[in-house]
Amino acid sequence: MTLATADIRRTTVAARRSSLATLESEAHRRGVSLSAMMAEAIDEKARALNAARRPRLGIARSSDGRSAAESTSEPVARPPS
């Protein structure tokens, strides 16, 4: 992984010794630095968080043409008061 210097922020991380040992072992196996492994792990977590936050829009049509209100026994929303 190559990052532009302007995209990098240095920080201190507190983590469990066992977690760091796992990352150190994998870094050694890959022949990369622990810092590179931690950056990869942080990037993966950030992508997962961003994907989970993405708004989900219903733009598809049901195959039988029924609306959500027609296909459920409970009201989809309360009637306006």
Foldseek 3Di string as FASTA:
>chain_A
DDDDPVPDDDDDDDDDPVVLVVLCVVCVVVVHDSVVSVVVVVVVVVVVVVVVPDDDDDPDADPVRDDPCVVDPDGPDDDDD
